[in-house]
Amino acid sequence: MIYLQVVQVLAARAESGGEYALASRYCLRVLERDPYDEPAHLMLVRVLAAGGSHGEARRCYQTYVTRMREIEVDPRPFTASTRRRA
């Protein structure tokens, strides 16, 4: 639990610093432990798109949709997933 919280903070800091590749690696670490972590999925899509990896962002978005449907959660639209939550 604490590990995930630390990694999520590191991902957010990397994203805010424009270190999108680093942020994506942190997101993937979270998703290895919790494949249903919606904020991690959305951040991963967002940082991949911000870093110019649009195809990879789309692929990761599809993974997010699959995971959310597995737990009967309505996934957010792709365009919304690339914007930070306020």
PDB file of N, CA and C in Angstrom:
ATOM      1  N   MET A   1       0.822  -1.195   0.000  1.00  0.00           N
ATOM      2  CA  MET A   1       0.000   0.000   0.000  1.00  0.00           C
ATOM      3  C   MET A   1       0.870   1.265   0.000  1.00  0.00           C
ATOM      4  N   ILE A   2       1.804   1.341   0.928  1.00  0.00           N
ATOM      5  CA  ILE A   2       2.680   2.515   0.984  1.00  0.00           C
ATOM      6  C   ILE A   2       3.516   2.601  -0.285  1.00  0.00           C
ATOM      7  N   TYR A   3       3.980   1.445  -0.769  1.00  0.00           N
ATOM      8  CA  TYR A   3       4.750   1.423  -2.004  1.00  0.00           C
ATOM      9  C   TYR A   3       3.963   2.078  -3.133  1.00  0.00           C
ATOM     10  N   LEU A   4       2.705   1.706  -3.285  1.00  0.00           N
ATOM     11  CA  LEU A   4       1.878   2.273  -4.352  1.00  0.00           C
ATOM     12  C   LEU A   4       1.693   3.769  -4.180  1.00  0.00           C
ATOM     13  N   GLN A   5       1.511   4.213  -2.962  1.00  0.00           N
ATOM     14  CA  GLN A   5       1.346   5.647  -2.718  1.00  0.00           C
ATOM     15  C   GLN A   5       2.608   6.416  -3.090  1.00  0.00           C
ATOM     16  N   VAL A   6       3.760   5.876  -2.740  1.00  0.00           N
ATOM     17  CA  VAL A   6       5.032   6.531  -3.068  1.00  0.00           C
ATOM     18  C   VAL A   6       5.219   6.589  -4.582  1.00  0.00           C
ATOM     19  N   VAL A   7       4.955   5.489  -5.258  1.00  0.00           N
ATOM     20  CA  VAL A   7       5.126   5.444  -6.716  1.00  0.00           C
ATOM     21  C   VAL A   7       4.155   6.409  -7.396  1.00  0.00           C
ATOM     22  N   GLN A   8       2.924   6.514  -6.881  1.00  0.00           N
ATOM     23  CA  GLN A   8       1.955   7.452  -7.454  1.00  0.00           C
ATOM     24  C   GLN A   8       2.429   8.894  -7.301  1.00  0.00           C
ATOM     25  N   VAL A   9       3.011   9.228  -6.156  1.00  0.00           N
ATOM     26  CA  VAL A   9       3.542  10.582  -5.948  1.00  0.00           C
ATOM     27  C   VAL A   9       4.706  10.831  -6.903  1.00  0.00           C
ATOM     28  N   LEU A  10       5.580   9.852  -7.045  1.00  0.00           N
ATOM     29  CA  LEU A  10       6.712  10.002  -7.966  1.00  0.00           C
ATOM     30  C   LEU A  10       6.230  10.181  -9.406  1.00  0.00           C
ATOM     31  N   ALA A  11       5.197   9.456  -9.783  1.00  0.00           N
ATOM     32  CA  ALA A  11       4.641   9.593 -11.132  1.00  0.00           C
ATOM     33  C   ALA A  11       4.087  10.995 -11.342  1.00  0.00           C
ATOM     34  N   ALA A  12       3.360  11.489 -10.367  1.00  0.00           N
ATOM     35  CA  ALA A  12       2.781  12.832 -10.479  1.00  0.00           C
ATOM     36  C   ALA A  12       3.873  13.896 -10.570  1.00  0.00           C
ATOM     37  N   ARG A  13       4.911  13.735  -9.780  1.00  0.00           N
ATOM     38  CA  ARG A  13       6.025  14.704  -9.844  1.00  0.00           C
ATOM     39  C   ARG A  13       6.738  14.655 -11.187  1.00  0.00           C
ATOM     40  N   ALA A  14       6.941  13.453 -11.682  1.00  0.00           N
ATOM     41  CA  ALA A  14       7.588  13.318 -12.986  1.00  0.00           C
ATOM     42  C   ALA A  14       6.728  13.953 -14.072  1.00  0.00           C
ATOM     43  N   GLU A  15       5.425  13.721 -14.008  1.00  0.00           N
ATOM     44  CA  GLU A  15       4.525  14.319 -14.999  1.00  0.00           C
ATOM     45  C   GLU A  15       4.571  15.835 -14.913  1.00  0.00           C
ATOM     46  N   SER A  16       4.488  16.377 -13.719  1.00  0.00           N
ATOM     47  CA  SER A  16       4.473  17.838 -13.587  1.00  0.00           C
ATOM     48  C   SER A  16       5.796  18.464 -14.013  1.00  0.00           C
ATOM     49  N   GLY A  17       6.870  17.681 -13.960  1.00  0.00           N
ATOM     50  CA  GLY A  17       8.166  18.161 -14.405  1.00  0.00           C
ATOM     51  C   GLY A  17       8.434  17.911 -15.876  1.00  0.00           C
ATOM     52  N   GLY A  18       7.442  17.373 -16.578  1.00  0.00           N
ATOM     53  CA  GLY A  18       7.604  17.118 -18.009  1.00  0.00           C
ATOM     54  C   GLY A  18       8.414  15.875 -18.322  1.00  0.00           C
ATOM     55  N   GLU A  19       8.664  15.048 -17.332  1.00  0.00           N
ATOM     56  CA  GLU A  19       9.421  13.803 -17.531  1.00  0.00           C
ATOM     57  C   GLU A  19       8.442  12.671 -17.814  1.00  0.00           C
ATOM     58  N   TYR A  20       7.893  12.688 -19.011  1.00  0.00           N
ATOM     59  CA  TYR A  20       6.806  11.781 -19.359  1.00  0.00           C
ATOM     60  C   TYR A  20       7.221  10.319 -19.417  1.00  0.00           C
ATOM     61  N   ALA A  21       8.411  10.031 -19.898  1.00  0.00           N
ATOM     62  CA  ALA A  21       8.874   8.639 -19.949  1.00  0.00           C
ATOM     63  C   ALA A  21       9.017   8.079 -18.540  1.00  0.00           C
ATOM     64  N   LEU A  22       9.566   8.875 -17.643  1.00  0.00           N
ATOM     65  CA  LEU A  22       9.708   8.446 -16.252  1.00  0.00           C
ATOM     66  C   LEU A  22       8.337   8.261 -15.612  1.00  0.00           C
ATOM     67  N   ALA A  23       7.439   9.185 -15.842  1.00  0.00           N
ATOM     68  CA  ALA A  23       6.079   9.079 -15.299  1.00  0.00           C
ATOM     69  C   ALA A  23       5.400   7.817 -15.805  1.00  0.00           C
ATOM     70  N   SER A  24       5.584   7.493 -17.066  1.00  0.00           N
ATOM     71  CA  SER A  24       4.949   6.289 -17.612  1.00  0.00           C
ATOM     72  C   SER A  24       5.505   5.036 -16.949  1.00  0.00           C
ATOM     73  N   ARG A  25       6.800   5.011 -16.671  1.00  0.00           N
ATOM     74  CA  ARG A  25       7.379   3.854 -15.997  1.00  0.00           C
ATOM     75  C   ARG A  25       6.800   3.693 -14.589  1.00  0.00           C
ATOM     76  N   TYR A  26       6.624   4.796 -13.894  1.00  0.00           N
ATOM     77  CA  TYR A  26       6.008   4.720 -12.559  1.00  0.00           C
ATOM     78  C   TYR A  26       4.567   4.221 -12.653  1.00  0.00           C
ATOM     79  N   CYS A  27       3.829   4.700 -13.631  1.00  0.00           N
ATOM     80  CA  CYS A  27       2.449   4.237 -13.807  1.00  0.00           C
ATOM     81  C   CYS A  27       2.406   2.738 -14.050  1.00  0.00           C
ATOM     82  N   LEU A  28       3.328   2.252 -14.866  1.00  0.00           N
ATOM     83  CA  LEU A  28       3.374   0.823 -15.146  1.00  0.00           C
ATOM     84  C   LEU A  28       3.683   0.014 -13.888  1.00  0.00           C
ATOM     85  N   ARG A  29       4.497   0.565 -13.002  1.00  0.00           N
ATOM     86  CA  ARG A  29       4.773  -0.109 -11.729  1.00  0.00           C
ATOM     87  C   ARG A  29       3.507  -0.230 -10.890  1.00  0.00           C
ATOM     88  N   VAL A  30       2.727   0.830 -10.858  1.00  0.00           N
ATOM     89  CA  VAL A  30       1.461   0.786 -10.121  1.00  0.00           C
ATOM     90  C   VAL A  30       0.549  -0.259 -10.728  1.00  0.00           C
ATOM     91  N   LEU A  31       0.444  -0.263 -12.045  1.00  0.00           N
ATOM     92  CA  LEU A  31      -0.468  -1.175 -12.724  1.00  0.00           C
ATOM     93  C   LEU A  31      -0.021  -2.630 -12.632  1.00  0.00           C
ATOM     94  N   GLU A  32       1.266  -2.873 -12.431  1.00  0.00           N
ATOM     95  CA  GLU A  32       1.737  -4.241 -12.186  1.00  0.00           C
ATOM     96  C   GLU A  32       1.140  -4.783 -10.896  1.00  0.00           C
ATOM     97  N   ARG A  33       1.039  -3.919  -9.907  1.00  0.00           N
ATOM     98  CA  ARG A  33       0.504  -4.327  -8.599  1.00  0.00           C
ATOM     99  C   ARG A  33      -1.013  -4.261  -8.531  1.00  0.00           C
ATOM    100  N   ASP A  34      -1.587  -3.281  -9.232  1.00  0.00           N
ATOM    101  CA  ASP A  34      -3.042  -3.098  -9.210  1.00  0.00           C
ATOM    102  C   ASP A  34      -3.524  -2.760 -10.618  1.00  0.00           C
ATOM    103  N   PRO A  35      -3.878  -3.780 -11.397  1.00  0.00           N
ATOM    104  CA  PRO A  35      -4.276  -3.535 -12.789  1.00  0.00           C
ATOM    105  C   PRO A  35      -5.609  -2.797 -12.941  1.00  0.00           C
ATOM    106  N   TYR A  36      -6.278  -2.512 -11.830  1.00  0.00           N
ATOM    107  CA  TYR A  36      -7.570  -1.816 -11.884  1.00  0.00           C
ATOM    108  C   TYR A  36      -7.478  -0.391 -11.335  1.00  0.00           C
ATOM    109  N   ASP A  37      -6.283   0.129 -11.169  1.00  0.00           N
ATOM    110  CA  ASP A  37      -6.091   1.481 -10.637  1.00  0.00           C
ATOM    111  C   ASP A  37      -6.407   2.493 -11.741  1.00  0.00           C
ATOM    112  N   GLU A  38      -7.611   3.043 -11.695  1.00  0.00           N
ATOM    113  CA  GLU A  38      -8.049   3.951 -12.757  1.00  0.00           C
ATOM    114  C   GLU A  38      -7.166   5.186 -12.892  1.00  0.00           C
ATOM    115  N   PRO A  39      -6.813   5.883 -11.805  1.00  0.00           N
ATOM    116  CA  PRO A  39      -5.948   7.055 -11.969  1.00  0.00           C
ATOM    117  C   PRO A  39      -4.608   6.724 -12.631  1.00  0.00           C
ATOM    118  N   ALA A  40      -4.039   5.563 -12.326  1.00  0.00           N
ATOM    119  CA  ALA A  40      -2.768   5.178 -12.949  1.00  0.00           C
ATOM    120  C   ALA A  40      -2.945   4.935 -14.445  1.00  0.00           C
ATOM    121  N   HIS A  41      -4.038   4.286 -14.814  1.00  0.00           N
ATOM    122  CA  HIS A  41      -4.318   4.077 -16.240  1.00  0.00           C
ATOM    123  C   HIS A  41      -4.461   5.414 -16.960  1.00  0.00           C
ATOM    124  N   LEU A  42      -5.222   6.304 -16.374  1.00  0.00           N
ATOM    125  CA  LEU A  42      -5.470   7.597 -17.028  1.00  0.00           C
ATOM    126  C   LEU A  42      -4.199   8.433 -17.118  1.00  0.00           C
ATOM    127  N   MET A  43      -3.384   8.404 -16.061  1.00  0.00           N
ATOM    128  CA  MET A  43      -2.118   9.139 -16.121  1.00  0.00           C
ATOM    129  C   MET A  43      -1.211   8.530 -17.178  1.00  0.00           C
ATOM    130  N   LEU A  44      -1.178   7.205 -17.262  1.00  0.00           N
ATOM    131  CA  LEU A  44      -0.333   6.554 -18.263  1.00  0.00           C
ATOM    132  C   LEU A  44      -0.725   7.001 -19.668  1.00  0.00           C
ATOM    133  N   VAL A  45      -2.001   6.983 -19.964  1.00  0.00           N
ATOM    134  CA  VAL A  45      -2.474   7.436 -21.275  1.00  0.00           C
ATOM    135  C   VAL A  45      -2.086   8.890 -21.499  1.00  0.00           C
ATOM    136  N   ARG A  46      -2.281   9.702 -20.474  1.00  0.00           N
ATOM    137  CA  ARG A  46      -2.006  11.139 -20.581  1.00  0.00           C
ATOM    138  C   ARG A  46      -0.525  11.413 -20.836  1.00  0.00           C
ATOM    139  N   VAL A  47       0.371  10.754 -20.075  1.00  0.00           N
ATOM    140  CA  VAL A  47       1.802  11.044 -20.239  1.00  0.00           C
ATOM    141  C   VAL A  47       2.342  10.461 -21.537  1.00  0.00           C
ATOM    142  N   LEU A  48       1.794   9.332 -21.963  1.00  0.00           N
ATOM    143  CA  LEU A  48       2.228   8.800 -23.259  1.00  0.00           C
ATOM    144  C   LEU A  48       1.846   9.757 -24.384  1.00  0.00           C
ATOM    145  N   ALA A  49       0.625  10.269 -24.334  1.00  0.00           N
ATOM    146  CA  ALA A  49       0.193  11.227 -25.363  1.00  0.00           C
ATOM    147  C   ALA A  49       1.021  12.504 -25.287  1.00  0.00           C
ATOM    148  N   ALA A  50       1.270  12.979 -24.077  1.00  0.00           N
ATOM    149  CA  ALA A  50       2.053  14.211 -23.908  1.00  0.00           C
ATOM    150  C   ALA A  50       3.483  14.028 -24.415  1.00  0.00           C
ATOM    151  N   GLY A  51       3.993  12.813 -24.297  1.00  0.00           N
ATOM    152  CA  GLY A  51       5.344  12.530 -24.761  1.00  0.00           C
ATOM    153  C   GLY A  51       5.416  12.189 -26.242  1.00  0.00           C
ATOM    154  N   GLY A  52       4.270  12.235 -26.921  1.00  0.00           N
ATOM    155  CA  GLY A  52       4.253  11.998 -28.353  1.00  0.00           C
ATOM    156  C   GLY A  52       4.038  10.550 -28.763  1.00  0.00           C
ATOM    157  N   SER A  53       3.820   9.668 -27.810  1.00  0.00           N
ATOM    158  CA  SER A  53       3.594   8.247 -28.112  1.00  0.00           C
ATOM    159  C   SER A  53       2.102   7.988 -28.247  1.00  0.00           C
ATOM    160  N   HIS A  54       1.515   8.538 -29.276  1.00  0.00           N
ATOM    161  CA  HIS A  54       0.065   8.503 -29.440  1.00  0.00           C
ATOM    162  C   HIS A  54      -0.484   7.099 -29.679  1.00  0.00           C
ATOM    163  N   GLY A  55       0.212   6.303 -30.458  1.00  0.00           N
ATOM    164  CA  GLY A  55      -0.238   4.935 -30.694  1.00  0.00           C
ATOM    165  C   GLY A  55      -0.205   4.109 -29.417  1.00  0.00           C
ATOM    166  N   GLU A  56       0.857   4.264 -28.663  1.00  0.00           N
ATOM    167  CA  GLU A  56       0.976   3.554 -27.393  1.00  0.00           C
ATOM    168  C   GLU A  56      -0.082   4.046 -26.402  1.00  0.00           C
ATOM    169  N   ALA A  57      -0.357   5.338 -26.429  1.00  0.00           N
ATOM    170  CA  ALA A  57      -1.407   5.896 -25.567  1.00  0.00           C
ATOM    171  C   ALA A  57      -2.751   5.271 -25.908  1.00  0.00           C
ATOM    172  N   ARG A  58      -3.041   5.124 -27.185  1.00  0.00           N
ATOM    173  CA  ARG A  58      -4.308   4.525 -27.616  1.00  0.00           C
ATOM    174  C   ARG A  58      -4.378   3.056 -27.191  1.00  0.00           C
ATOM    175  N   ARG A  59      -3.272   2.333 -27.322  1.00  0.00           N
ATOM    176  CA  ARG A  59      -3.239   0.931 -26.910  1.00  0.00           C
ATOM    177  C   ARG A  59      -3.472   0.809 -25.400  1.00  0.00           C
ATOM    178  N   CYS A  60      -2.823   1.660 -24.634  1.00  0.00           N
ATOM    179  CA  CYS A  60      -2.987   1.632 -23.178  1.00  0.00           C
ATOM    180  C   CYS A  60      -4.404   2.054 -22.777  1.00  0.00           C
ATOM    181  N   TYR A  61      -4.992   2.933 -23.556  1.00  0.00           N
ATOM    182  CA  TYR A  61      -6.375   3.314 -23.289  1.00  0.00           C
ATOM    183  C   TYR A  61      -7.290   2.101 -23.468  1.00  0.00           C
ATOM    184  N   GLN A  62      -7.047   1.303 -24.487  1.00  0.00           N
ATOM    185  CA  GLN A  62      -7.868   0.116 -24.709  1.00  0.00           C
ATOM    186  C   GLN A  62      -7.714  -0.884 -23.560  1.00  0.00           C
ATOM    187  N   THR A  63      -6.508  -0.999 -23.030  1.00  0.00           N
ATOM    188  CA  THR A  63      -6.284  -1.849 -21.852  1.00  0.00           C
ATOM    189  C   THR A  63      -7.080  -1.315 -20.672  1.00  0.00           C
ATOM    190  N   TYR A  64      -7.053  -0.002 -20.487  1.00  0.00           N
ATOM    191  CA  TYR A  64      -7.830   0.646 -19.419  1.00  0.00           C
ATOM    192  C   TYR A  64      -9.315   0.323 -19.560  1.00  0.00           C
ATOM    193  N   VAL A  65      -9.854   0.465 -20.772  1.00  0.00           N
ATOM    194  CA  VAL A  65     -11.275   0.187 -21.010  1.00  0.00           C
ATOM    195  C   VAL A  65     -11.595  -1.263 -20.642  1.00  0.00           C
ATOM    196  N   THR A  66     -10.747  -2.179 -21.052  1.00  0.00           N
ATOM    197  CA  THR A  66     -10.959  -3.596 -20.744  1.00  0.00           C
ATOM    198  C   THR A  66     -10.982  -3.824 -19.238  1.00  0.00           C
ATOM    199  N   ARG A  67     -10.013  -3.262 -18.536  1.00  0.00           N
ATOM    200  CA  ARG A  67      -9.951  -3.443 -17.075  1.00  0.00           C
ATOM    201  C   ARG A  67     -11.174  -2.852 -16.377  1.00  0.00           C
ATOM    202  N   MET A  68     -11.593  -1.682 -16.794  1.00  0.00           N
ATOM    203  CA  MET A  68     -12.745  -1.057 -16.146  1.00  0.00           C
ATOM    204  C   MET A  68     -14.014  -1.866 -16.401  1.00  0.00           C
ATOM    205  N   ARG A  69     -14.162  -2.386 -17.593  1.00  0.00           N
ATOM    206  CA  ARG A  69     -15.355  -3.192 -17.904  1.00  0.00           C
ATOM    207  C   ARG A  69     -15.360  -4.492 -17.103  1.00  0.00           C
ATOM    208  N   GLU A  70     -14.167  -5.023 -16.818  1.00  0.00           N
ATOM    209  CA  GLU A  70     -14.083  -6.232 -16.004  1.00  0.00           C
ATOM    210  C   GLU A  70     -14.671  -6.023 -14.612  1.00  0.00           C
ATOM    211  N   ILE A  71     -14.569  -4.798 -14.109  1.00  0.00           N
ATOM    212  CA  ILE A  71     -15.094  -4.510 -12.768  1.00  0.00           C
ATOM    213  C   ILE A  71     -16.366  -3.663 -12.834  1.00  0.00           C
ATOM    214  N   GLU A  72     -16.956  -3.611 -14.025  1.00  0.00           N
ATOM    215  CA  GLU A  72     -18.226  -2.924 -14.246  1.00  0.00           C
ATOM    216  C   GLU A  72     -18.190  -1.435 -13.883  1.00  0.00           C
ATOM    217  N   VAL A  73     -17.115  -0.788 -14.291  1.00  0.00           N
ATOM    218  CA  VAL A  73     -16.959   0.660 -14.141  1.00  0.00           C
ATOM    219  C   VAL A  73     -16.984   1.258 -15.533  1.00  0.00           C
ATOM    220  N   ASP A  74     -17.737   2.341 -15.706  1.00  0.00           N
ATOM    221  CA  ASP A  74     -17.777   3.020 -16.995  1.00  0.00           C
ATOM    222  C   ASP A  74     -16.456   3.747 -17.228  1.00  0.00           C
ATOM    223  N   PRO A  75     -15.727   3.395 -18.295  1.00  0.00           N
ATOM    224  CA  PRO A  75     -14.466   4.090 -18.571  1.00  0.00           C
ATOM    225  C   PRO A  75     -14.713   5.514 -19.046  1.00  0.00           C
ATOM    226  N   ARG A  76     -13.769   6.366 -18.731  1.00  0.00           N
ATOM    227  CA  ARG A  76     -13.847   7.749 -19.200  1.00  0.00           C
ATOM    228  C   ARG A  76     -13.481   7.795 -20.677  1.00  0.00           C
ATOM    229  N   PRO A  77     -14.003   8.769 -21.410  1.00  0.00           N
ATOM    230  CA  PRO A  77     -13.657   8.886 -22.840  1.00  0.00           C
ATOM    231  C   PRO A  77     -12.161   9.137 -23.022  1.00  0.00           C
ATOM    232  N   PHE A  78     -11.654   8.753 -24.164  1.00  0.00           N
ATOM    233  CA  PHE A  78     -10.213   8.930 -24.445  1.00  0.00           C
ATOM    234  C   PHE A  78      -9.788  10.375 -24.295  1.00  0.00           C
ATOM    235  N   THR A  79     -10.550  11.317 -24.809  1.00  0.00           N
ATOM    236  CA  THR A  79     -10.146  12.721 -24.741  1.00  0.00           C
ATOM    237  C   THR A  79     -10.080  13.194 -23.286  1.00  0.00           C
ATOM    238  N   ALA A  80     -11.026  12.750 -22.461  1.00  0.00           N
ATOM    239  CA  ALA A  80     -11.014  13.150 -21.055  1.00  0.00           C
ATOM    240  C   ALA A  80      -9.860  12.494 -20.308  1.00  0.00           C
ATOM    241  N   SER A  81      -9.475  11.301 -20.723  1.00  0.00           N
ATOM    242  CA  SER A  81      -8.418  10.602 -20.006  1.00  0.00           C
ATOM    243  C   SER A  81      -7.064  11.265 -20.185  1.00  0.00           C
ATOM    244  N   THR A  82      -6.919  12.085 -21.206  1.00  0.00           N
ATOM    245  CA  THR A  82      -5.637  12.742 -21.420  1.00  0.00           C
ATOM    246  C   THR A  82      -5.518  14.064 -20.679  1.00  0.00           C
ATOM    247  N   ARG A  83      -6.587  14.484 -20.030  1.00  0.00           N
ATOM    248  CA  ARG A  83      -6.537  15.727 -19.248  1.00  0.00           C
ATOM    249  C   ARG A  83      -6.420  15.408 -17.777  1.00  0.00           C
ATOM    250  N   ARG A  84      -5.625  16.210 -17.078  1.00  0.00           N
ATOM    251  CA  ARG A  84      -5.484  16.022 -15.634  1.00  0.00           C
ATOM    252  C   ARG A  84      -6.777  16.361 -14.931  1.00  0.00           C
ATOM    253  N   ARG A  85      -7.051  15.605 -13.888  1.00  0.00           N
ATOM    254  CA  ARG A  85      -8.213  15.938 -13.056  1.00  0.00           C
ATOM    255  C   ARG A  85      -7.885  17.152 -12.217  1.00  0.00           C
ATOM    256  N   ALA A  86      -8.873  18.006 -12.040  1.00  0.00           N
ATOM    257  CA  ALA A  86      -8.654  19.218 -11.251  1.00  0.00           C
ATOM    258  C   ALA A  86      -8.640  18.913  -9.781  1.00  0.00           C
TER     259      ALA A  86
END
